[in-house]
Amino acid sequence: MSKEDTQQTIGKFHAAQYERDAIHVAVMSVVAAEPLKPGQHIGFTEHGYRVTSKPAGGYKLLGIVDPFLPKGVKEGDRFWMMLYPNTITSLKHLWSHPDIANDGRATSSASEKWLRDFADAVDADYDKMMRVAASHCDPGNRWGDYLIEGDKWEGQSTPDEFWTHYAAVTGKTPDGGPVGIFSCSC
């Protein structure tokens, strides 16, 4: 018996009884180019960004409309296309967590709290402080902006820990390393 004959997968009849199991199904968020039914076979339109039951322009059927939808899909609806089994070349799971951004960095409620506490401690507006910090991470802004309010910031430094937490929240770091975001105009 070949490996293909013994493989336990969806989309094939089983030659034997198998234990209960769970499966991975690759899914992709797509937009309907026409009315579709749950379980209907679909592929991309000739424009390559919407799905149809009759692919054209060299496109082929790639999967099915989410078979668990409670009703049909209307043109323009967004839904999961379930890709055919054993057709993807790599697999990763995407999930969400309130303290972890989609790119894997901490969003982090702890780092955001640190930044908010720092803003409160130095009497800075949090949103303005974050915009000023962002300017130092913009390669198009050679010098960056500063919090300037007369002599309010005289002697105020920006601790390196600020940039650690800023990077955790935004995923960005200043060009050339940590810099100060406070300036005195006195």
N, C-alpha and C. Protein backbone atom coordinates (compact mmCIF):
# COMPACT_ATOMS: atom_id res chain seq x y z
N MET A 1 0.84 -1.18 0.00
CA MET A 1 0.00 0.00 0.00
C MET A 1 0.89 1.25 0.00
N SER A 2 0.61 2.20 -0.86
CA SER A 2 1.42 3.42 -0.92
C SER A 2 1.07 4.34 0.23
N LYS A 3 1.97 5.30 0.49
CA LYS A 3 1.74 6.28 1.56
C LYS A 3 0.44 7.04 1.30
N GLU A 4 0.18 7.34 0.03
CA GLU A 4 -1.04 8.08 -0.31
C GLU A 4 -2.29 7.29 0.08
N ASP A 5 -2.23 5.95 -0.06
CA ASP A 5 -3.39 5.13 0.29
C ASP A 5 -3.64 5.09 1.79
N THR A 6 -2.60 5.27 2.60
CA THR A 6 -2.75 5.15 4.04
C THR A 6 -2.86 6.50 4.73
N GLN A 7 -2.70 7.58 4.01
CA GLN A 7 -2.73 8.90 4.63
C GLN A 7 -4.13 9.24 5.11
N GLN A 8 -4.22 9.66 6.36
CA GLN A 8 -5.49 10.08 6.93
C GLN A 8 -5.67 11.55 6.61
N THR A 9 -6.52 11.88 5.69
CA THR A 9 -6.72 13.27 5.33
C THR A 9 -8.15 13.49 4.86
N ILE A 10 -8.56 14.72 4.91
CA ILE A 10 -9.88 15.04 4.40
C ILE A 10 -9.80 15.03 2.87
N GLY A 11 -10.93 14.84 2.24
CA GLY A 11 -10.98 14.81 0.78
C GLY A 11 -10.67 13.45 0.19
N LYS A 12 -10.49 12.44 1.02
CA LYS A 12 -10.22 11.07 0.54
C LYS A 12 -11.05 10.10 1.38
N PHE A 13 -11.42 8.99 0.77
CA PHE A 13 -12.10 7.93 1.52
C PHE A 13 -11.06 7.18 2.33
N HIS A 14 -11.45 6.70 3.49
CA HIS A 14 -10.53 5.98 4.36
C HIS A 14 -10.63 4.48 4.12
N ALA A 15 -9.47 3.82 4.09
CA ALA A 15 -9.43 2.37 3.89
C ALA A 15 -9.68 1.63 5.21
N ALA A 16 -9.56 2.35 6.33
CA ALA A 16 -9.72 1.71 7.64
C ALA A 16 -10.37 2.70 8.60
N GLN A 17 -10.72 2.19 9.77
CA GLN A 17 -11.27 3.03 10.84
C GLN A 17 -10.09 3.71 11.54
N TYR A 18 -10.19 5.01 11.77
CA TYR A 18 -9.14 5.74 12.47
C TYR A 18 -9.69 6.33 13.74
N GLU A 19 -8.77 6.62 14.68
CA GLU A 19 -9.17 7.29 15.91
C GLU A 19 -9.65 8.70 15.60
N ARG A 20 -10.30 9.30 16.57
CA ARG A 20 -10.65 10.71 16.42
C ARG A 20 -9.38 11.50 16.24
N ASP A 21 -9.46 12.61 15.54
CA ASP A 21 -8.28 13.42 15.25
C ASP A 21 -8.73 14.85 15.04
N ALA A 22 -7.78 15.71 14.82
CA ALA A 22 -8.06 17.09 14.46
C ALA A 22 -7.30 17.36 13.17
N ILE A 23 -7.75 18.32 12.41
CA ILE A 23 -7.10 18.60 11.14
C ILE A 23 -6.71 20.06 11.04
N HIS A 24 -5.74 20.32 10.21
CA HIS A 24 -5.38 21.69 9.86
C HIS A 24 -5.97 21.96 8.49
N VAL A 25 -6.65 23.07 8.37
CA VAL A 25 -7.17 23.49 7.07
C VAL A 25 -6.65 24.88 6.81
N ALA A 26 -5.96 25.06 5.71
CA ALA A 26 -5.48 26.39 5.34
C ALA A 26 -6.67 27.21 4.88
N VAL A 27 -6.80 28.41 5.42
CA VAL A 27 -7.90 29.28 5.05
C VAL A 27 -7.36 30.64 4.63
N MET A 28 -8.12 31.32 3.81
CA MET A 28 -7.72 32.64 3.33
C MET A 28 -8.98 33.50 3.25
N SER A 29 -8.87 34.72 3.73
CA SER A 29 -9.99 35.64 3.66
C SER A 29 -10.09 36.15 2.21
N VAL A 30 -11.26 36.00 1.61
CA VAL A 30 -11.47 36.38 0.21
C VAL A 30 -12.78 37.14 0.07
N VAL A 31 -12.99 37.74 -1.11
CA VAL A 31 -14.22 38.48 -1.42
C VAL A 31 -14.90 37.82 -2.60
N ALA A 32 -16.20 37.64 -2.50
CA ALA A 32 -16.98 37.00 -3.56
C ALA A 32 -17.19 37.93 -4.74
N ALA A 33 -16.95 37.42 -5.93
CA ALA A 33 -17.21 38.17 -7.17
C ALA A 33 -18.61 37.89 -7.68
N GLU A 34 -19.29 36.95 -7.06
CA GLU A 34 -20.62 36.52 -7.47
C GLU A 34 -21.29 35.83 -6.29
N PRO A 35 -22.59 35.59 -6.35
CA PRO A 35 -23.23 34.81 -5.29
C PRO A 35 -22.66 33.38 -5.27
N LEU A 36 -22.36 32.87 -4.09
CA LEU A 36 -21.77 31.54 -3.94
C LEU A 36 -22.48 30.78 -2.82
N LYS A 37 -22.35 29.45 -2.83
CA LYS A 37 -22.98 28.61 -1.82
C LYS A 37 -21.92 28.01 -0.90
N PRO A 38 -22.23 27.79 0.36
CA PRO A 38 -21.28 27.12 1.24
C PRO A 38 -20.83 25.79 0.62
N GLY A 39 -19.55 25.53 0.66
CA GLY A 39 -19.00 24.29 0.10
C GLY A 39 -18.72 24.34 -1.39
N GLN A 40 -19.10 25.41 -2.08
CA GLN A 40 -18.89 25.51 -3.52
C GLN A 40 -17.41 25.68 -3.83
N HIS A 41 -16.94 25.02 -4.88
CA HIS A 41 -15.54 25.11 -5.30
C HIS A 41 -15.30 26.47 -5.96
N ILE A 42 -14.18 27.11 -5.59
CA ILE A 42 -13.90 28.47 -6.05
C ILE A 42 -12.42 28.67 -6.36
N GLY A 43 -12.15 29.71 -7.16
CA GLY A 43 -10.80 30.15 -7.47
C GLY A 43 -10.85 31.64 -7.78
N PHE A 44 -9.71 32.22 -8.12
CA PHE A 44 -9.67 33.66 -8.34
C PHE A 44 -10.22 34.05 -9.71
N THR A 45 -10.74 35.28 -9.78
CA THR A 45 -11.19 35.84 -11.05
C THR A 45 -9.97 36.22 -11.87
N GLU A 46 -10.20 36.65 -13.08
CA GLU A 46 -9.08 37.04 -13.95
C GLU A 46 -8.32 38.23 -13.39
N HIS A 47 -8.95 38.99 -12.49
CA HIS A 47 -8.27 40.13 -11.88
C HIS A 47 -7.45 39.70 -10.67
N GLY A 48 -7.68 38.46 -10.19
CA GLY A 48 -6.86 37.88 -9.14
C GLY A 48 -7.07 38.38 -7.74
N TYR A 49 -8.18 39.07 -7.46
CA TYR A 49 -8.38 39.51 -6.09
C TYR A 49 -9.76 39.14 -5.54
N ARG A 50 -10.64 38.66 -6.36
CA ARG A 50 -11.94 38.18 -5.93
C ARG A 50 -12.07 36.73 -6.36
N VAL A 51 -13.02 36.01 -5.75
CA VAL A 51 -13.18 34.60 -6.09
C VAL A 51 -14.50 34.35 -6.80
N THR A 52 -14.48 33.29 -7.61
CA THR A 52 -15.61 32.92 -8.44
C THR A 52 -15.67 31.40 -8.54
N SER A 53 -16.81 30.88 -8.98
CA SER A 53 -16.93 29.43 -9.21
C SER A 53 -16.40 29.05 -10.59
N LYS A 54 -16.12 30.06 -11.43
CA LYS A 54 -15.63 29.81 -12.80
C LYS A 54 -14.36 30.63 -13.05
N PRO A 55 -13.22 30.20 -12.49
CA PRO A 55 -11.99 30.98 -12.67
C PRO A 55 -11.63 31.13 -14.14
N ALA A 56 -11.02 32.24 -14.46
CA ALA A 56 -10.63 32.51 -15.84
C ALA A 56 -9.20 33.01 -15.86
N GLY A 57 -8.68 33.24 -17.06
CA GLY A 57 -7.36 33.85 -17.21
C GLY A 57 -6.23 33.01 -16.64
N GLY A 58 -6.33 31.69 -16.73
CA GLY A 58 -5.26 30.83 -16.24
C GLY A 58 -5.38 30.48 -14.77
N TYR A 59 -6.35 31.04 -14.07
CA TYR A 59 -6.55 30.70 -12.67
C TYR A 59 -7.31 29.39 -12.57
N LYS A 60 -7.16 28.69 -11.47
CA LYS A 60 -7.82 27.40 -11.29
C LYS A 60 -8.57 27.38 -9.97
N LEU A 61 -9.39 26.36 -9.78
CA LEU A 61 -10.09 26.18 -8.52
C LEU A 61 -9.06 25.86 -7.44
N LEU A 62 -9.16 26.54 -6.31
CA LEU A 62 -8.17 26.39 -5.24
C LEU A 62 -8.75 25.86 -3.93
N GLY A 63 -10.06 25.96 -3.76
CA GLY A 63 -10.65 25.55 -2.51
C GLY A 63 -12.15 25.68 -2.55
N ILE A 64 -12.73 25.77 -1.37
CA ILE A 64 -14.18 25.85 -1.28
C ILE A 64 -14.61 27.01 -0.38
N VAL A 65 -15.82 27.46 -0.60
CA VAL A 65 -16.46 28.44 0.28
C VAL A 65 -16.64 27.76 1.64
N ASP A 66 -16.40 28.49 2.70
CA ASP A 66 -16.58 27.96 4.06
C ASP A 66 -17.88 27.15 4.12
N PRO A 67 -17.79 25.82 4.29
CA PRO A 67 -19.00 25.00 4.27
C PRO A 67 -19.86 25.15 5.52
N PHE A 68 -19.36 25.85 6.53
CA PHE A 68 -20.10 26.02 7.77
C PHE A 68 -20.91 27.32 7.80
N LEU A 69 -20.85 28.09 6.73
CA LEU A 69 -21.65 29.32 6.69
C LEU A 69 -23.13 28.97 6.76
N PRO A 70 -23.91 29.72 7.51
CA PRO A 70 -25.33 29.39 7.66
C PRO A 70 -26.18 29.73 6.45
N LYS A 71 -25.63 30.51 5.50
CA LYS A 71 -26.38 30.87 4.30
C LYS A 71 -25.40 31.18 3.18
N GLY A 72 -25.94 31.40 2.00
CA GLY A 72 -25.11 31.70 0.84
C GLY A 72 -24.38 33.03 0.97
N VAL A 73 -23.36 33.18 0.14
CA VAL A 73 -22.52 34.37 0.11
C VAL A 73 -23.04 35.28 -1.01
N LYS A 74 -23.12 36.57 -0.72
CA LYS A 74 -23.52 37.53 -1.75
C LYS A 74 -22.27 38.15 -2.37
N GLU A 75 -22.40 38.68 -3.57
CA GLU A 75 -21.30 39.38 -4.20
C GLU A 75 -20.80 40.49 -3.26
N GLY A 76 -19.49 40.56 -3.07
CA GLY A 76 -18.91 41.57 -2.19
C GLY A 76 -18.71 41.11 -0.76
N ASP A 77 -19.33 39.97 -0.36
CA ASP A 77 -19.13 39.45 1.00
C ASP A 77 -17.70 38.93 1.15
N ARG A 78 -17.15 39.12 2.33
CA ARG A 78 -15.82 38.58 2.67
C ARG A 78 -16.05 37.33 3.53
N PHE A 79 -15.28 36.27 3.26
CA PHE A 79 -15.46 35.00 3.97
C PHE A 79 -14.17 34.19 3.85
N TRP A 80 -14.12 33.04 4.54
CA TRP A 80 -12.96 32.15 4.45
C TRP A 80 -13.09 31.24 3.24
N MET A 81 -12.03 31.17 2.43
CA MET A 81 -11.90 30.13 1.43
C MET A 81 -11.05 29.06 2.08
N MET A 82 -11.55 27.84 2.12
CA MET A 82 -10.78 26.73 2.65
C MET A 82 -10.04 26.09 1.48
N LEU A 83 -8.72 26.12 1.55
CA LEU A 83 -7.90 25.60 0.46
C LEU A 83 -7.95 24.08 0.44
N TYR A 84 -7.79 23.53 -0.76
CA TYR A 84 -7.81 22.08 -0.91
C TYR A 84 -6.71 21.44 -0.07
N PRO A 85 -6.99 20.25 0.50
CA PRO A 85 -5.99 19.56 1.31
C PRO A 85 -4.70 19.27 0.53
N ASN A 86 -3.59 19.34 1.21
CA ASN A 86 -2.27 18.98 0.67
C ASN A 86 -1.84 19.84 -0.51
N THR A 87 -2.33 21.09 -0.58
CA THR A 87 -1.92 21.95 -1.69
C THR A 87 -1.02 23.09 -1.24
N ILE A 88 -0.97 23.40 0.05
CA ILE A 88 -0.12 24.49 0.51
C ILE A 88 1.31 23.99 0.68
N THR A 89 2.26 24.91 0.60
CA THR A 89 3.67 24.53 0.70
C THR A 89 4.27 24.82 2.05
N SER A 90 3.61 25.60 2.88
CA SER A 90 4.04 25.80 4.26
C SER A 90 2.82 26.15 5.09
N LEU A 91 2.95 25.99 6.39
CA LEU A 91 1.80 26.21 7.26
C LEU A 91 2.27 26.89 8.54
N LYS A 92 1.57 27.93 8.93
CA LYS A 92 1.79 28.53 10.24
C LYS A 92 0.44 28.94 10.79
N HIS A 93 0.34 28.89 12.07
CA HIS A 93 -0.90 29.26 12.72
C HIS A 93 -0.84 30.73 13.12
N LEU A 94 -1.86 31.46 12.82
CA LEU A 94 -1.97 32.85 13.26
C LEU A 94 -3.06 32.90 14.31
N TRP A 95 -2.74 33.50 15.41
CA TRP A 95 -3.69 33.64 16.50
C TRP A 95 -3.50 35.02 17.09
N SER A 96 -4.37 35.39 17.97
CA SER A 96 -4.22 36.70 18.60
C SER A 96 -4.20 36.56 20.11
N HIS A 97 -3.57 37.51 20.72
CA HIS A 97 -3.48 37.59 22.17
C HIS A 97 -3.42 39.06 22.53
N PRO A 98 -4.09 39.49 23.57
CA PRO A 98 -4.14 40.92 23.84
C PRO A 98 -2.79 41.57 24.14
N ASP A 99 -1.79 40.79 24.53
CA ASP A 99 -0.48 41.36 24.84
C ASP A 99 0.57 41.12 23.77
N ILE A 100 0.16 40.52 22.64
CA ILE A 100 1.11 40.19 21.58
C ILE A 100 0.56 40.68 20.25
N ALA A 101 1.35 41.49 19.54
CA ALA A 101 0.93 42.00 18.23
C ALA A 101 1.04 40.89 17.19
N ASN A 102 0.39 41.08 16.05
CA ASN A 102 0.42 40.07 14.99
C ASN A 102 1.83 39.79 14.47
N ASP A 103 2.74 40.75 14.58
CA ASP A 103 4.10 40.52 14.11
C ASP A 103 4.98 39.86 15.18
N GLY A 104 4.39 39.47 16.32
CA GLY A 104 5.12 38.73 17.33
C GLY A 104 5.72 39.57 18.44
N ARG A 105 5.69 40.87 18.33
CA ARG A 105 6.26 41.71 19.40
C ARG A 105 5.19 41.94 20.46
N ALA A 106 5.63 42.34 21.62
CA ALA A 106 4.68 42.66 22.69
C ALA A 106 3.93 43.93 22.31
N THR A 107 2.64 43.98 22.53
CA THR A 107 1.93 45.20 22.20
C THR A 107 2.21 46.24 23.24
N SER A 108 2.69 45.85 24.13
CA SER A 108 2.48 45.08 25.32
C SER A 108 1.75 45.95 26.29
N SER A 109 0.79 45.36 26.93
CA SER A 109 0.08 46.16 27.92
C SER A 109 1.06 46.61 29.00
N ALA A 110 2.06 45.78 29.32
CA ALA A 110 3.05 46.17 30.33
C ALA A 110 3.91 47.33 29.82
N SER A 111 4.34 47.27 28.57
CA SER A 111 5.15 48.36 28.02
C SER A 111 4.34 49.62 27.83
N GLU A 112 3.10 49.46 27.38
CA GLU A 112 2.25 50.65 27.23
C GLU A 112 2.01 51.29 28.60
N LYS A 113 1.80 50.46 29.60
CA LYS A 113 1.61 50.99 30.96
C LYS A 113 2.85 51.75 31.41
N TRP A 114 4.05 51.18 31.13
CA TRP A 114 5.30 51.86 31.52
C TRP A 114 5.37 53.23 30.85
N LEU A 115 5.07 53.29 29.54
CA LEU A 115 5.13 54.55 28.81
C LEU A 115 4.11 55.55 29.35
N ARG A 116 2.92 55.08 29.65
CA ARG A 116 1.89 55.98 30.19
C ARG A 116 2.29 56.49 31.58
N ASP A 117 2.84 55.59 32.39
CA ASP A 117 3.31 56.00 33.72
C ASP A 117 4.45 57.00 33.60
N PHE A 118 5.36 56.78 32.64
CA PHE A 118 6.47 57.71 32.42
C PHE A 118 5.92 59.08 32.01
N ALA A 119 4.97 59.09 31.08
CA ALA A 119 4.37 60.36 30.64
C ALA A 119 3.74 61.08 31.83
N ASP A 120 3.03 60.34 32.66
CA ASP A 120 2.42 60.95 33.86
C ASP A 120 3.49 61.49 34.79
N ALA A 121 4.57 60.73 34.99
CA ALA A 121 5.62 61.13 35.92
C ALA A 121 6.31 62.42 35.50
N VAL A 122 6.47 62.63 34.18
CA VAL A 122 7.15 63.84 33.71
C VAL A 122 6.15 64.92 33.27
N ASP A 123 4.86 64.63 33.46
CA ASP A 123 3.79 65.56 33.11
C ASP A 123 3.76 65.87 31.60
N ALA A 124 3.84 64.78 30.79
CA ALA A 124 3.76 64.91 29.33
C ALA A 124 2.46 64.30 28.84
N ASP A 125 1.93 64.82 27.75
CA ASP A 125 0.77 64.23 27.10
C ASP A 125 1.24 62.95 26.40
N TYR A 126 0.63 61.80 26.73
CA TYR A 126 1.06 60.51 26.19
C TYR A 126 1.06 60.50 24.66
N ASP A 127 -0.04 60.90 24.04
CA ASP A 127 -0.14 60.86 22.58
C ASP A 127 0.90 61.76 21.91
N LYS A 128 1.10 62.95 22.46
CA LYS A 128 2.10 63.86 21.91
C LYS A 128 3.50 63.27 22.07
N MET A 129 3.77 62.69 23.23
CA MET A 129 5.06 62.06 23.48
C MET A 129 5.32 60.94 22.46
N MET A 130 4.30 60.15 22.17
CA MET A 130 4.45 59.04 21.22
C MET A 130 4.67 59.56 19.80
N ARG A 131 4.01 60.66 19.43
CA ARG A 131 4.22 61.25 18.09
C ARG A 131 5.64 61.78 17.98
N VAL A 132 6.13 62.43 19.02
CA VAL A 132 7.50 62.96 19.00
C VAL A 132 8.49 61.80 18.90
N ALA A 133 8.28 60.75 19.66
CA ALA A 133 9.17 59.58 19.60
C ALA A 133 9.13 58.98 18.19
N ALA A 134 7.97 58.91 17.58
CA ALA A 134 7.84 58.35 16.22
C ALA A 134 8.66 59.15 15.22
N SER A 135 8.76 60.45 15.42
CA SER A 135 9.51 61.29 14.48
C SER A 135 10.99 60.90 14.46
N HIS A 136 11.50 60.37 15.55
CA HIS A 136 12.91 59.94 15.61
C HIS A 136 13.11 58.58 14.95
N CYS A 137 12.03 57.91 14.62
CA CYS A 137 12.10 56.60 13.96
C CYS A 137 11.81 56.71 12.46
N ASP A 138 11.56 57.92 12.00
CA ASP A 138 11.24 58.17 10.60
C ASP A 138 12.52 58.54 9.86
N PRO A 139 13.02 57.68 8.96
CA PRO A 139 14.27 58.00 8.26
C PRO A 139 14.17 59.28 7.43
N GLY A 140 12.97 59.70 7.08
CA GLY A 140 12.80 60.93 6.31
C GLY A 140 12.86 62.19 7.16
N ASN A 141 12.84 62.04 8.46
CA ASN A 141 12.90 63.18 9.37
C ASN A 141 14.30 63.18 10.00
N ARG A 142 15.19 63.94 9.44
CA ARG A 142 16.62 63.88 9.81
C ARG A 142 16.88 64.12 11.28
N TRP A 143 16.20 65.08 11.88
CA TRP A 143 16.51 65.45 13.26
C TRP A 143 15.46 64.99 14.26
N GLY A 144 14.27 64.71 13.82
CA GLY A 144 13.21 64.34 14.76
C GLY A 144 12.64 65.57 15.45
N ASP A 145 11.52 65.38 16.10
CA ASP A 145 10.86 66.46 16.83
C ASP A 145 11.16 66.31 18.31
N TYR A 146 10.79 67.33 19.09
CA TYR A 146 11.04 67.32 20.52
C TYR A 146 9.84 67.88 21.26
N LEU A 147 9.67 67.45 22.50
CA LEU A 147 8.70 68.09 23.38
C LEU A 147 9.36 69.37 23.87
N ILE A 148 8.77 70.51 23.51
CA ILE A 148 9.33 71.82 23.88
C ILE A 148 8.21 72.65 24.50
N GLU A 149 8.37 73.01 25.74
CA GLU A 149 7.38 73.87 26.41
C GLU A 149 8.12 74.81 27.36
N GLY A 150 8.77 75.81 26.78
CA GLY A 150 9.54 76.75 27.59
C GLY A 150 10.64 76.01 28.33
N ASP A 151 10.73 76.24 29.64
CA ASP A 151 11.79 75.57 30.40
C ASP A 151 11.27 74.32 31.13
N LYS A 152 10.04 73.88 30.80
CA LYS A 152 9.43 72.73 31.48
C LYS A 152 10.33 71.49 31.43
N TRP A 153 11.03 71.27 30.32
CA TRP A 153 11.81 70.04 30.16
C TRP A 153 13.29 70.22 30.48
N GLU A 154 13.67 71.36 31.05
CA GLU A 154 15.08 71.59 31.39
C GLU A 154 15.56 70.48 32.33
N GLY A 155 16.62 69.80 31.94
CA GLY A 155 17.20 68.72 32.74
C GLY A 155 16.49 67.38 32.61
N GLN A 156 15.39 67.31 31.83
CA GLN A 156 14.67 66.04 31.68
C GLN A 156 15.37 65.17 30.63
N SER A 157 15.71 63.97 31.01
CA SER A 157 16.37 63.06 30.07
C SER A 157 15.37 61.99 29.61
N THR A 158 15.75 61.30 28.57
CA THR A 158 14.95 60.18 28.06
C THR A 158 15.71 58.91 28.38
N PRO A 159 15.26 58.11 29.34
CA PRO A 159 16.00 56.91 29.69
C PRO A 159 15.99 55.89 28.55
N ASP A 160 17.06 55.09 28.44
CA ASP A 160 17.13 54.05 27.40
C ASP A 160 15.94 53.10 27.51
N GLU A 161 15.46 52.89 28.74
CA GLU A 161 14.32 52.01 28.95
C GLU A 161 13.08 52.52 28.21
N PHE A 162 12.98 53.83 28.01
CA PHE A 162 11.88 54.41 27.24
C PHE A 162 11.82 53.76 25.86
N TRP A 163 12.99 53.69 25.20
CA TRP A 163 13.02 53.16 23.83
C TRP A 163 12.76 51.66 23.80
N THR A 164 13.12 50.94 24.85
CA THR A 164 12.81 49.51 24.92
C THR A 164 11.30 49.32 24.93
N HIS A 165 10.62 50.09 25.75
CA HIS A 165 9.16 49.99 25.82
C HIS A 165 8.48 50.56 24.58
N TYR A 166 9.04 51.62 24.03
CA TYR A 166 8.49 52.20 22.80
C TYR A 166 8.54 51.16 21.67
N ALA A 167 9.68 50.46 21.55
CA ALA A 167 9.83 49.43 20.51
C ALA A 167 8.85 48.28 20.75
N ALA A 168 8.61 47.92 22.01
CA ALA A 168 7.67 46.84 22.30
C ALA A 168 6.25 47.22 21.88
N VAL A 169 5.90 48.48 22.03
CA VAL A 169 4.55 48.92 21.69
C VAL A 169 4.40 49.17 20.19
N THR A 170 5.41 49.73 19.55
CA THR A 170 5.27 50.17 18.15
C THR A 170 6.04 49.32 17.15
N GLY A 171 7.04 48.58 17.61
CA GLY A 171 7.89 47.83 16.69
C GLY A 171 8.94 48.70 16.02
N LYS A 172 9.09 49.95 16.45
CA LYS A 172 10.02 50.88 15.81
C LYS A 172 11.09 51.31 16.79
N THR A 173 12.28 51.59 16.25
CA THR A 173 13.38 52.13 17.05
C THR A 173 13.95 53.34 16.33
N PRO A 174 14.55 54.26 17.07
CA PRO A 174 15.09 55.46 16.43
C PRO A 174 16.32 55.15 15.59
N ASP A 175 16.44 55.84 14.45
CA ASP A 175 17.64 55.71 13.62
C ASP A 175 18.83 56.17 14.45
N GLY A 176 19.88 55.40 14.47
CA GLY A 176 21.09 55.79 15.19
C GLY A 176 21.06 55.50 16.68
N GLY A 177 20.05 54.81 17.17
CA GLY A 177 20.00 54.47 18.58
C GLY A 177 19.20 55.44 19.41
N PRO A 178 19.12 55.18 20.73
CA PRO A 178 18.31 56.01 21.62
C PRO A 178 18.72 57.48 21.57
N VAL A 179 17.71 58.34 21.57
CA VAL A 179 17.92 59.79 21.56
C VAL A 179 16.97 60.40 22.58
N GLY A 180 17.19 61.65 22.89
CA GLY A 180 16.30 62.38 23.78
C GLY A 180 15.11 62.93 23.01
N ILE A 181 13.97 63.03 23.70
CA ILE A 181 12.78 63.60 23.06
C ILE A 181 12.35 64.90 23.74
N PHE A 182 13.13 65.35 24.72
CA PHE A 182 12.80 66.58 25.45
C PHE A 182 13.80 67.66 25.09
N SER A 183 13.34 68.91 25.03
CA SER A 183 14.23 70.03 24.79
C SER A 183 13.71 71.26 25.54
N CYS A 184 14.64 72.07 25.93
CA CYS A 184 14.31 73.31 26.64
C CYS A 184 14.46 74.47 25.66
N SER A 185 13.50 75.36 25.62
CA SER A 185 13.58 76.50 24.72
C SER A 185 13.97 77.77 25.48
N CYS A 186 14.57 77.61 26.66
CA CYS A 186 14.91 78.78 27.46
C CYS A 186 16.25 79.37 27.04
